[in-house]
Amino acid sequence: MSRAKNTCGELPSGRAGDPALLGVQALPEKLTVGGLAFCAVFAAGLAYVALDGDLLSNSSAQKPANPKTVFVSASDVQGAFFPLPSELSKGTERVFGLVKMPKVEKERLSQELKAGNVRIAAIWLWDNQAQDGDAVQINSGGFSQTIAIANSPTMYYVPVQTGTNARITAVADGGGGVTLGVKTIVGPFPLPPLVVGQSLEVPVL
């Protein structure tokens, strides 16, 4: 019986058109090494792409959050708190009528004023963007007031202690952030916009 040879192995000769199955054939050595090298490079490329994609997704998911407290430079808000004249700084019925505190807190404030621990100052605040229901809480001199911010500059009375900071915290946002303007001795100054829960530390000079 004669055999016909081809590049992949030997085929038994027989009747024309008769199919014949090949046994398991080993790849040529050169092909095997090249194939392995290609597979190794391809696998390394896939691993790099997967790792790079994971790093990108992690970096986008871990964007730094807004700072909880933003400190305002004293030079930017110089004179933002205007001390009342001495005859008013200890508190009068009209002044107490404009302080936005519960009655019990007003009584405590009266005692602190008489003891000389705090004094009353005025601050002008407003929403310097669209009036949309923004509200803030002002903590100063050991007391707290919550106020809704209007578009027009509005005066508020707050107890203060010289050399300390007043904390202004966003408690309601009508949309687009809590945007505040404050009056200073050199004119209006736009305070950094806040998200709810974020605070400004404003020096009381």
C-alpha atoms as a PDB file:
ATOM      1  CA  MET A   1       0.000   0.000   0.000  1.00  0.00           C
ATOM      2  CA  SER A   2       1.398   3.328  -0.975  1.00  0.00           C
ATOM      3  CA  ARG A   3       1.063   6.473   1.215  1.00  0.00           C
ATOM      4  CA  ALA A   4       0.673  10.081   0.087  1.00  0.00           C
ATOM      5  CA  LYS A   5       2.389  12.761   2.186  1.00  0.00           C
ATOM      6  CA  ASN A   6       1.329  16.335   2.850  1.00  0.00           C
ATOM      7  CA  THR A   7       2.635  19.075   5.113  1.00  0.00           C
ATOM      8  CA  CYS A   8       0.486  18.036   8.057  1.00  0.00           C
ATOM      9  CA  GLY A   9       1.299  14.291   8.053  1.00  0.00           C
ATOM     10  CA  GLU A  10       0.543  11.189   6.069  1.00  0.00           C
ATOM     11  CA  LEU A  11      -2.746  10.155   4.627  1.00  0.00           C
ATOM     12  CA  PRO A  12      -3.420   6.553   3.682  1.00  0.00           C
ATOM     13  CA  SER A  13      -4.110   6.149  -0.020  1.00  0.00           C
ATOM     14  CA  GLY A  14      -7.270   4.349  -1.102  1.00  0.00           C
ATOM     15  CA  ARG A  15     -10.225   4.974  -3.174  1.00  0.00           C
ATOM     16  CA  ALA A  16     -10.587   8.488  -4.397  1.00  0.00           C
ATOM     17  CA  GLY A  17     -12.789  10.562  -2.203  1.00  0.00           C
ATOM     18  CA  ASP A  18     -12.654   8.183   0.789  1.00  0.00           C
ATOM     19  CA  PRO A  19     -12.295  10.275   3.973  1.00  0.00           C
ATOM     20  CA  ALA A  20      -9.566   9.429   6.401  1.00  0.00           C
ATOM     21  CA  LEU A  21      -9.192  10.688   9.998  1.00  0.00           C
ATOM     22  CA  LEU A  22      -5.892  12.045  11.210  1.00  0.00           C
ATOM     23  CA  GLY A  23      -4.475  11.090  14.533  1.00  0.00           C
ATOM     24  CA  VAL A  24      -3.393  13.677  17.123  1.00  0.00           C
ATOM     25  CA  GLN A  25      -0.691  15.776  15.497  1.00  0.00           C
ATOM     26  CA  ALA A  26       1.976  17.767  17.329  1.00  0.00           C
ATOM     27  CA  LEU A  27       2.446  21.319  16.201  1.00  0.00           C
ATOM     28  CA  PRO A  28       5.811  22.209  14.818  1.00  0.00           C
ATOM     29  CA  GLU A  29       8.148  23.501  17.531  1.00  0.00           C
ATOM     30  CA  LYS A  30       8.454  26.976  15.983  1.00  0.00           C
ATOM     31  CA  LEU A  31       4.675  27.393  15.878  1.00  0.00           C
ATOM     32  CA  THR A  32       4.238  26.246  19.467  1.00  0.00           C
ATOM     33  CA  VAL A  33       6.772  28.706  20.895  1.00  0.00           C
ATOM     34  CA  GLY A  34       5.393  31.568  18.808  1.00  0.00           C
ATOM     35  CA  GLY A  35       1.824  30.756  19.797  1.00  0.00           C
ATOM     36  CA  LEU A  36       2.729  30.621  23.450  1.00  0.00           C
ATOM     37  CA  ALA A  37       4.530  33.943  23.216  1.00  0.00           C
ATOM     38  CA  PHE A  38       1.527  35.510  21.488  1.00  0.00           C
ATOM     39  CA  CYS A  39      -0.853  34.145  24.140  1.00  0.00           C
ATOM     40  CA  ALA A  40       1.372  35.468  26.918  1.00  0.00           C
ATOM     41  CA  VAL A  41       1.485  38.958  25.401  1.00  0.00           C
ATOM     42  CA  PHE A  42      -2.256  38.908  24.734  1.00  0.00           C
ATOM     43  CA  ALA A  43      -3.051  37.826  28.309  1.00  0.00           C
ATOM     44  CA  ALA A  44      -0.765  40.524  29.717  1.00  0.00           C
ATOM     45  CA  GLY A  45      -2.548  43.106  27.575  1.00  0.00           C
ATOM     46  CA  LEU A  46      -5.958  41.991  28.828  1.00  0.00           C
ATOM     47  CA  ALA A  47      -4.766  42.129  32.438  1.00  0.00           C
ATOM     48  CA  TYR A  48      -3.403  45.664  31.933  1.00  0.00           C
ATOM     49  CA  VAL A  49      -6.643  46.869  30.351  1.00  0.00           C
ATOM     50  CA  ALA A  50      -8.704  45.338  33.166  1.00  0.00           C
ATOM     51  CA  LEU A  51      -6.430  46.853  35.830  1.00  0.00           C
ATOM     52  CA  ASP A  52      -6.387  50.248  34.136  1.00  0.00           C
ATOM     53  CA  GLY A  53     -10.174  50.247  33.846  1.00  0.00           C
ATOM     54  CA  ASP A  54     -10.498  49.307  37.507  1.00  0.00           C
ATOM     55  CA  LEU A  55      -8.161  52.121  38.529  1.00  0.00           C
ATOM     56  CA  LEU A  56     -10.087  54.608  36.440  1.00  0.00           C
ATOM     57  CA  SER A  57     -13.412  53.512  37.914  1.00  0.00           C
ATOM     58  CA  ASN A  58     -11.980  53.687  41.422  1.00  0.00           C
ATOM     59  CA  SER A  59     -10.509  57.153  40.851  1.00  0.00           C
ATOM     60  CA  SER A  60     -13.831  58.460  39.558  1.00  0.00           C
ATOM     61  CA  ALA A  61     -15.718  56.869  42.440  1.00  0.00           C
ATOM     62  CA  GLN A  62     -13.376  58.339  45.034  1.00  0.00           C
ATOM     63  CA  LYS A  63     -13.618  62.031  44.175  1.00  0.00           C
ATOM     64  CA  PRO A  64     -12.752  64.200  47.163  1.00  0.00           C
ATOM     65  CA  ALA A  65     -15.818  65.342  49.058  1.00  0.00           C
ATOM     66  CA  ASN A  66     -16.525  68.968  49.829  1.00  0.00           C
ATOM     67  CA  PRO A  67     -14.706  70.089  52.972  1.00  0.00           C
ATOM     68  CA  LYS A  68     -16.965  70.105  56.028  1.00  0.00           C
ATOM     69  CA  THR A  69     -15.779  73.557  57.062  1.00  0.00           C
ATOM     70  CA  VAL A  70     -14.544  76.410  54.854  1.00  0.00           C
ATOM     71  CA  PHE A  71     -12.453  79.080  56.578  1.00  0.00           C
ATOM     72  CA  VAL A  72     -12.936  82.643  55.356  1.00  0.00           C
ATOM     73  CA  SER A  73      -9.969  85.010  55.459  1.00  0.00           C
ATOM     74  CA  ALA A  74     -10.299  87.831  58.001  1.00  0.00           C
ATOM     75  CA  SER A  75      -9.132  90.298  55.345  1.00  0.00           C
ATOM     76  CA  ASP A  76     -12.050  89.301  53.071  1.00  0.00           C
ATOM     77  CA  VAL A  77     -14.753  89.882  55.685  1.00  0.00           C
ATOM     78  CA  GLN A  78     -13.257  92.685  57.712  1.00  0.00           C
ATOM     79  CA  GLY A  79     -16.051  94.531  59.482  1.00  0.00           C
ATOM     80  CA  ALA A  80     -18.722  91.946  58.637  1.00  0.00           C
ATOM     81  CA  PHE A  81     -19.908  92.158  62.260  1.00  0.00           C
ATOM     82  CA  PHE A  82     -20.887  95.687  63.217  1.00  0.00           C
ATOM     83  CA  PRO A  83     -20.953  96.157  67.040  1.00  0.00           C
ATOM     84  CA  LEU A  84     -24.014  98.053  68.203  1.00  0.00           C
ATOM     85  CA  PRO A  85     -23.649 101.368  70.061  1.00  0.00           C
ATOM     86  CA  SER A  86     -23.057 100.899  73.770  1.00  0.00           C
ATOM     87  CA  GLU A  87     -26.651 101.791  74.690  1.00  0.00           C
ATOM     88  CA  LEU A  88     -27.886  98.935  72.473  1.00  0.00           C
ATOM     89  CA  SER A  89     -25.073  96.436  72.826  1.00  0.00           C
ATOM     90  CA  LYS A  90     -26.395  95.165  76.172  1.00  0.00           C
ATOM     91  CA  GLY A  91     -29.726  94.415  74.535  1.00  0.00           C
ATOM     92  CA  THR A  92     -33.026  96.287  74.483  1.00  0.00           C
ATOM     93  CA  GLU A  93     -36.587  95.127  73.944  1.00  0.00           C
ATOM     94  CA  ARG A  94     -36.341  96.054  70.275  1.00  0.00           C
ATOM     95  CA  VAL A  95     -33.016  94.249  69.857  1.00  0.00           C
ATOM     96  CA  PHE A  96     -34.314  91.115  71.577  1.00  0.00           C
ATOM     97  CA  GLY A  97     -37.395  91.279  69.371  1.00  0.00           C
ATOM     98  CA  LEU A  98     -35.144  90.887  66.322  1.00  0.00           C
ATOM     99  CA  VAL A  99     -32.991  88.088  67.724  1.00  0.00           C
ATOM    100  CA  LYS A 100     -34.301  84.799  66.302  1.00  0.00           C
ATOM    101  CA  MET A 101     -34.074  82.594  69.394  1.00  0.00           C
ATOM    102  CA  PRO A 102     -36.521  80.822  71.689  1.00  0.00           C
ATOM    103  CA  LYS A 103     -37.539  82.729  74.809  1.00  0.00           C
ATOM    104  CA  VAL A 104     -35.383  80.619  77.108  1.00  0.00           C
ATOM    105  CA  GLU A 105     -32.319  81.353  74.984  1.00  0.00           C
ATOM    106  CA  LYS A 106     -33.084  85.076  74.985  1.00  0.00           C
ATOM    107  CA  GLU A 107     -33.179  84.966  78.786  1.00  0.00           C
ATOM    108  CA  ARG A 108     -29.805  83.231  78.851  1.00  0.00           C
ATOM    109  CA  LEU A 109     -28.453  85.797  76.382  1.00  0.00           C
ATOM    110  CA  SER A 110     -29.663  88.612  78.625  1.00  0.00           C
ATOM    111  CA  GLN A 111     -27.662  87.170  81.510  1.00  0.00           C
ATOM    112  CA  GLU A 112     -24.546  86.778  79.357  1.00  0.00           C
ATOM    113  CA  LEU A 113     -24.863  90.381  78.159  1.00  0.00           C
ATOM    114  CA  LYS A 114     -25.179  91.697  81.712  1.00  0.00           C
ATOM    115  CA  ALA A 115     -22.118  89.698  82.752  1.00  0.00           C
ATOM    116  CA  GLY A 116     -20.159  91.222  79.876  1.00  0.00           C
ATOM    117  CA  ASN A 117     -19.346  87.822  78.330  1.00  0.00           C
ATOM    118  CA  VAL A 118     -20.818  88.712  74.926  1.00  0.00           C
ATOM    119  CA  ARG A 119     -22.087  91.742  73.068  1.00  0.00           C
ATOM    120  CA  ILE A 120     -24.582  92.217  70.250  1.00  0.00           C
ATOM    121  CA  ALA A 121     -23.399  92.912  66.704  1.00  0.00           C
ATOM    122  CA  ALA A 122     -25.226  93.310  63.412  1.00  0.00           C
ATOM    123  CA  ILE A 123     -24.482  91.335  60.262  1.00  0.00           C
ATOM    124  CA  TRP A 124     -26.042  91.846  56.812  1.00  0.00           C
ATOM    125  CA  LEU A 125     -26.630  88.656  54.829  1.00  0.00           C
ATOM    126  CA  TRP A 126     -28.529  87.874  51.632  1.00  0.00           C
ATOM    127  CA  ASP A 127     -28.893  85.296  48.871  1.00  0.00           C
ATOM    128  CA  ASN A 128     -26.693  86.683  46.107  1.00  0.00           C
ATOM    129  CA  GLN A 129     -28.246  84.376  43.481  1.00  0.00           C
ATOM    130  CA  ALA A 130     -31.903  83.429  42.965  1.00  0.00           C
ATOM    131  CA  GLN A 131     -34.023  83.634  46.093  1.00  0.00           C
ATOM    132  CA  ASP A 132     -35.019  79.991  46.361  1.00  0.00           C
ATOM    133  CA  GLY A 133     -35.484  79.182  50.034  1.00  0.00           C
ATOM    134  CA  ASP A 134     -31.879  78.952  51.234  1.00  0.00           C
ATOM    135  CA  ALA A 135     -31.488  78.962  55.026  1.00  0.00           C
ATOM    136  CA  VAL A 136     -28.497  79.013  57.351  1.00  0.00           C
ATOM    137  CA  GLN A 137     -27.776  78.561  61.019  1.00  0.00           C
ATOM    138  CA  ILE A 138     -25.519  81.158  62.647  1.00  0.00           C
ATOM    139  CA  ASN A 139     -23.586  80.017  65.717  1.00  0.00           C
ATOM    140  CA  SER A 140     -21.713  82.770  67.537  1.00  0.00           C
ATOM    141  CA  GLY A 141     -20.989  83.778  71.101  1.00  0.00           C
ATOM    142  CA  GLY A 142     -22.343  80.435  72.308  1.00  0.00           C
ATOM    143  CA  PHE A 143     -25.788  80.977  70.745  1.00  0.00           C
ATOM    144  CA  SER A 144     -27.545  79.704  67.629  1.00  0.00           C
ATOM    145  CA  GLN A 145     -30.080  81.241  65.230  1.00  0.00           C
ATOM    146  CA  THR A 146     -31.643  79.814  62.062  1.00  0.00           C
ATOM    147  CA  ILE A 147     -32.584  82.307  59.370  1.00  0.00           C
ATOM    148  CA  ALA A 148     -34.021  82.177  55.858  1.00  0.00           C
ATOM    149  CA  ILE A 149     -31.998  84.204  53.360  1.00  0.00           C
ATOM    150  CA  ALA A 150     -33.694  86.723  51.068  1.00  0.00           C
ATOM    151  CA  ASN A 151     -32.353  88.450  47.958  1.00  0.00           C
ATOM    152  CA  SER A 152     -32.181  91.863  49.596  1.00  0.00           C
ATOM    153  CA  PRO A 153     -29.477  92.532  52.245  1.00  0.00           C
ATOM    154  CA  THR A 154     -31.062  91.973  55.640  1.00  0.00           C
ATOM    155  CA  MET A 155     -29.652  92.848  59.045  1.00  0.00           C
ATOM    156  CA  TYR A 156     -29.543  90.237  61.780  1.00  0.00           C
ATOM    157  CA  TYR A 157     -28.496  90.683  65.406  1.00  0.00           C
ATOM    158  CA  VAL A 158     -26.074  88.090  66.748  1.00  0.00           C
ATOM    159  CA  PRO A 159     -24.166  87.774  70.028  1.00  0.00           C
ATOM    160  CA  VAL A 160     -20.406  87.802  69.448  1.00  0.00           C
ATOM    161  CA  GLN A 161     -17.137  87.475  71.313  1.00  0.00           C
ATOM    162  CA  THR A 162     -14.190  89.442  69.939  1.00  0.00           C
ATOM    163  CA  GLY A 163     -11.360  87.285  68.610  1.00  0.00           C
ATOM    164  CA  THR A 164     -13.531  84.248  67.936  1.00  0.00           C
ATOM    165  CA  ASN A 165     -15.193  82.846  64.813  1.00  0.00           C
ATOM    166  CA  ALA A 166     -18.862  82.745  63.908  1.00  0.00           C
ATOM    167  CA  ARG A 167     -19.988  79.545  62.221  1.00  0.00           C
ATOM    168  CA  ILE A 168     -22.521  79.792  59.379  1.00  0.00           C
ATOM    169  CA  THR A 169     -23.944  76.388  58.436  1.00  0.00           C
ATOM    170  CA  ALA A 170     -26.172  75.633  55.440  1.00  0.00           C
ATOM    171  CA  VAL A 171     -29.389  73.963  56.620  1.00  0.00           C
ATOM    172  CA  ALA A 172     -31.653  74.313  53.547  1.00  0.00           C
ATOM    173  CA  ASP A 173     -30.862  74.590  49.847  1.00  0.00           C
ATOM    174  CA  GLY A 174     -33.509  75.701  47.380  1.00  0.00           C
ATOM    175  CA  GLY A 175     -31.297  74.533  44.496  1.00  0.00           C
ATOM    176  CA  GLY A 176     -27.813  75.266  43.183  1.00  0.00           C
ATOM    177  CA  GLY A 177     -26.149  75.542  46.572  1.00  0.00           C
ATOM    178  CA  VAL A 178     -26.554  77.989  49.445  1.00  0.00           C
ATOM    179  CA  THR A 179     -25.189  81.244  48.048  1.00  0.00           C
ATOM    180  CA  LEU A 180     -24.528  84.097  50.449  1.00  0.00           C
ATOM    181  CA  GLY A 181     -23.394  87.677  50.252  1.00  0.00           C
ATOM    182  CA  VAL A 182     -22.192  89.590  53.315  1.00  0.00           C
ATOM    183  CA  LYS A 183     -21.678  93.307  53.900  1.00  0.00           C
ATOM    184  CA  THR A 184     -18.188  94.374  55.002  1.00  0.00           C
ATOM    185  CA  ILE A 185     -16.551  97.739  55.656  1.00  0.00           C
ATOM    186  CA  VAL A 186     -15.234  97.745  52.089  1.00  0.00           C
ATOM    187  CA  GLY A 187     -18.479  96.634  50.431  1.00  0.00           C
ATOM    188  CA  PRO A 188     -20.383  93.440  49.619  1.00  0.00           C
ATOM    189  CA  PHE A 189     -18.430  90.193  49.581  1.00  0.00           C
ATOM    190  CA  PRO A 190     -19.654  86.864  48.081  1.00  0.00           C
ATOM    191  CA  LEU A 191     -19.073  84.048  50.555  1.00  0.00           C
ATOM    192  CA  PRO A 192     -18.145  80.594  49.209  1.00  0.00           C
ATOM    193  CA  PRO A 193     -21.266  78.621  48.192  1.00  0.00           C
ATOM    194  CA  LEU A 194     -22.265  75.817  50.544  1.00  0.00           C
ATOM    195  CA  VAL A 195     -24.012  72.463  50.391  1.00  0.00           C
ATOM    196  CA  VAL A 196     -26.367  71.464  53.195  1.00  0.00           C
ATOM    197  CA  GLY A 197     -24.351  70.518  56.273  1.00  0.00           C
ATOM    198  CA  GLN A 198     -21.290  72.497  55.186  1.00  0.00           C
ATOM    199  CA  SER A 199     -20.108  75.458  57.285  1.00  0.00           C
ATOM    200  CA  LEU A 200     -18.220  78.732  56.983  1.00  0.00           C
ATOM    201  CA  GLU A 201     -15.948  79.937  59.762  1.00  0.00           C
ATOM    202  CA  VAL A 202     -16.095  83.744  59.677  1.00  0.00           C
ATOM    203  CA  PRO A 203     -13.734  85.718  61.977  1.00  0.00           C
ATOM    204  CA  VAL A 204     -15.274  88.155  64.453  1.00  0.00           C
ATOM    205  CA  LEU A 205     -12.753  91.001  64.730  1.00  0.00           C
END
